[in-house]
Amino acid sequence: TSSNTSSEGTSRITRDSELQETATTAYFFYNKELVMATKHAAVMKFDQMHTDGFRKKRTFDHENVNRFIGMSLDGPQILSIWKYCSRGNLT
């Protein structure tokens, strides 16, 4: 189990050692909620249009859609963070 504190110092991210990490996914607890991280191999550069899109995704909430939490850009690997859904996803 490992943990990190976000730049705000209030959120806690803890790795979930119970779920299997793969080459493309990892699982964490974020504010006591299970989340899934998709690993991205490419270096990404985001412009204002991408940033606005991420902001819209964060505010979208529907019971049939996994909630987008955000992006982790400052670690050793770029991650997109999504609320975990035990039923799987469409990708």
C-alpha atoms as a PDB file:
ATOM      1  CA  THR A   1       0.000   0.000   0.000  1.00  0.00           C
ATOM      2  CA  SER A   2       1.329   3.438  -0.885  1.00  0.00           C
ATOM      3  CA  SER A   3      -0.148   6.886  -0.475  1.00  0.00           C
ATOM      4  CA  ASN A   4       0.369  10.408  -1.745  1.00  0.00           C
ATOM      5  CA  THR A   5      -1.004  13.773  -0.767  1.00  0.00           C
ATOM      6  CA  SER A   6      -2.330  16.014  -3.528  1.00  0.00           C
ATOM      7  CA  SER A   7      -1.036  19.520  -4.123  1.00  0.00           C
ATOM      8  CA  GLU A   8      -3.949  20.886  -2.069  1.00  0.00           C
ATOM      9  CA  GLY A   9      -2.872  18.691   0.835  1.00  0.00           C
ATOM     10  CA  THR A  10      -6.442  17.593   1.593  1.00  0.00           C
ATOM     11  CA  SER A  11      -7.058  14.604  -0.693  1.00  0.00           C
ATOM     12  CA  ARG A  12      -5.411  11.286  -0.047  1.00  0.00           C
ATOM     13  CA  ILE A  13      -4.659   8.752  -2.778  1.00  0.00           C
ATOM     14  CA  THR A  14      -3.969   5.196  -1.632  1.00  0.00           C
ATOM     15  CA  ARG A  15      -3.123   2.263  -3.893  1.00  0.00           C
ATOM     16  CA  ASP A  16      -5.530  -0.680  -3.591  1.00  0.00           C
ATOM     17  CA  SER A  17      -3.400  -3.812  -3.311  1.00  0.00           C
ATOM     18  CA  GLU A  18      -6.478  -6.093  -3.487  1.00  0.00           C
ATOM     19  CA  LEU A  19      -7.189  -5.357  -7.178  1.00  0.00           C
ATOM     20  CA  GLN A  20      -4.830  -6.538  -9.893  1.00  0.00           C
ATOM     21  CA  GLU A  21      -2.821  -3.809 -11.603  1.00  0.00           C
ATOM     22  CA  THR A  22      -2.276  -4.364 -15.322  1.00  0.00           C
ATOM     23  CA  ALA A  23      -0.128  -2.752 -17.995  1.00  0.00           C
ATOM     24  CA  THR A  24      -2.962  -0.333 -18.805  1.00  0.00           C
ATOM     25  CA  THR A  25      -4.848   0.118 -15.497  1.00  0.00           C
ATOM     26  CA  ALA A  26      -4.278   0.659 -11.780  1.00  0.00           C
ATOM     27  CA  TYR A  27      -6.699   1.001  -8.878  1.00  0.00           C
ATOM     28  CA  PHE A  28      -6.591   3.521  -6.034  1.00  0.00           C
ATOM     29  CA  PHE A  29      -8.710   4.908  -3.242  1.00  0.00           C
ATOM     30  CA  TYR A  30      -9.317   8.648  -3.680  1.00  0.00           C
ATOM     31  CA  ASN A  31     -11.116  10.344  -0.779  1.00  0.00           C
ATOM     32  CA  LYS A  32     -12.188   6.865   0.417  1.00  0.00           C
ATOM     33  CA  GLU A  33     -13.753   6.044  -2.968  1.00  0.00           C
ATOM     34  CA  LEU A  34     -12.413   3.332  -5.299  1.00  0.00           C
ATOM     35  CA  VAL A  35     -11.162   4.764  -8.605  1.00  0.00           C
ATOM     36  CA  MET A  36      -9.569   3.263 -11.710  1.00  0.00           C
ATOM     37  CA  ALA A  37      -6.619   4.867 -13.464  1.00  0.00           C
ATOM     38  CA  THR A  38      -5.977   4.305 -17.154  1.00  0.00           C
ATOM     39  CA  LYS A  39      -2.263   4.505 -17.950  1.00  0.00           C
ATOM     40  CA  HIS A  40      -1.203   6.488 -21.017  1.00  0.00           C
ATOM     41  CA  ALA A  41       2.154   5.803 -22.662  1.00  0.00           C
ATOM     42  CA  ALA A  42       2.290   8.912 -24.856  1.00  0.00           C
ATOM     43  CA  VAL A  43       3.325  12.340 -23.644  1.00  0.00           C
ATOM     44  CA  MET A  44       0.301  14.587 -23.943  1.00  0.00           C
ATOM     45  CA  LYS A  45       0.084  18.331 -24.379  1.00  0.00           C
ATOM     46  CA  PHE A  46      -3.230  19.975 -23.633  1.00  0.00           C
ATOM     47  CA  ASP A  47      -4.496  23.275 -24.973  1.00  0.00           C
ATOM     48  CA  GLN A  48      -7.440  25.339 -23.712  1.00  0.00           C
ATOM     49  CA  MET A  49      -9.932  23.257 -25.716  1.00  0.00           C
ATOM     50  CA  HIS A  50      -8.753  20.040 -24.001  1.00  0.00           C
ATOM     51  CA  THR A  51      -8.825  21.699 -20.583  1.00  0.00           C
ATOM     52  CA  ASP A  52     -12.398  22.867 -21.173  1.00  0.00           C
ATOM     53  CA  GLY A  53     -13.346  19.335 -22.249  1.00  0.00           C
ATOM     54  CA  PHE A  54     -11.880  17.850 -19.066  1.00  0.00           C
ATOM     55  CA  ARG A  55     -13.794  20.401 -17.001  1.00  0.00           C
ATOM     56  CA  LYS A  56     -17.069  19.409 -18.718  1.00  0.00           C
ATOM     57  CA  LYS A  57     -16.339  15.700 -18.180  1.00  0.00           C
ATOM     58  CA  ARG A  58     -15.740  16.290 -14.454  1.00  0.00           C
ATOM     59  CA  THR A  59     -19.139  17.937 -14.046  1.00  0.00           C
ATOM     60  CA  PHE A  60     -21.053  15.303 -16.046  1.00  0.00           C
ATOM     61  CA  ASP A  61     -22.803  12.846 -13.735  1.00  0.00           C
ATOM     62  CA  HIS A  62     -25.148  10.044 -14.821  1.00  0.00           C
ATOM     63  CA  GLU A  63     -25.824   6.654 -13.224  1.00  0.00           C
ATOM     64  CA  ASN A  64     -24.941   4.800 -16.445  1.00  0.00           C
ATOM     65  CA  VAL A  65     -21.614   6.569 -17.073  1.00  0.00           C
ATOM     66  CA  ASN A  66     -18.377   6.147 -15.102  1.00  0.00           C
ATOM     67  CA  ARG A  67     -17.533   9.513 -13.565  1.00  0.00           C
ATOM     68  CA  PHE A  68     -14.336  11.216 -14.773  1.00  0.00           C
ATOM     69  CA  ILE A  69     -12.277  12.373 -11.762  1.00  0.00           C
ATOM     70  CA  GLY A  70      -9.331  14.014 -13.549  1.00  0.00           C
ATOM     71  CA  MET A  71      -5.833  13.602 -14.935  1.00  0.00           C
ATOM     72  CA  SER A  72      -2.563  12.943 -13.131  1.00  0.00           C
ATOM     73  CA  LEU A  73       0.148  14.648 -15.153  1.00  0.00           C
ATOM     74  CA  ASP A  74       3.010  15.086 -12.670  1.00  0.00           C
ATOM     75  CA  GLY A  75       3.883  11.477 -11.823  1.00  0.00           C
ATOM     76  CA  PRO A  76       6.145   9.024 -13.630  1.00  0.00           C
ATOM     77  CA  GLN A  77       3.208   8.070 -15.868  1.00  0.00           C
ATOM     78  CA  ILE A  78       0.215  10.031 -17.187  1.00  0.00           C
ATOM     79  CA  LEU A  79      -3.056   8.691 -15.765  1.00  0.00           C
ATOM     80  CA  SER A  80      -6.706   9.442 -16.428  1.00  0.00           C
ATOM     81  CA  ILE A  81      -8.717   8.781 -13.254  1.00  0.00           C
ATOM     82  CA  TRP A  82     -12.269   7.407 -13.372  1.00  0.00           C
ATOM     83  CA  LYS A  83     -14.722   6.263 -10.712  1.00  0.00           C
ATOM     84  CA  TYR A  84     -14.476   2.490 -10.474  1.00  0.00           C
ATOM     85  CA  CYS A  85     -17.394   0.486 -11.865  1.00  0.00           C
ATOM     86  CA  SER A  86     -17.494  -3.194 -10.927  1.00  0.00           C
ATOM     87  CA  ARG A  87     -19.663  -3.926 -13.992  1.00  0.00           C
ATOM     88  CA  GLY A  88     -16.848  -2.945 -16.365  1.00  0.00           C
ATOM     89  CA  ASN A  89     -16.832  -0.390 -19.171  1.00  0.00           C
ATOM     90  CA  LEU A  90     -17.370  -0.175 -22.904  1.00  0.00           C
ATOM     91  CA  THR A  91     -13.727   0.271 -23.911  1.00  0.00           C
END
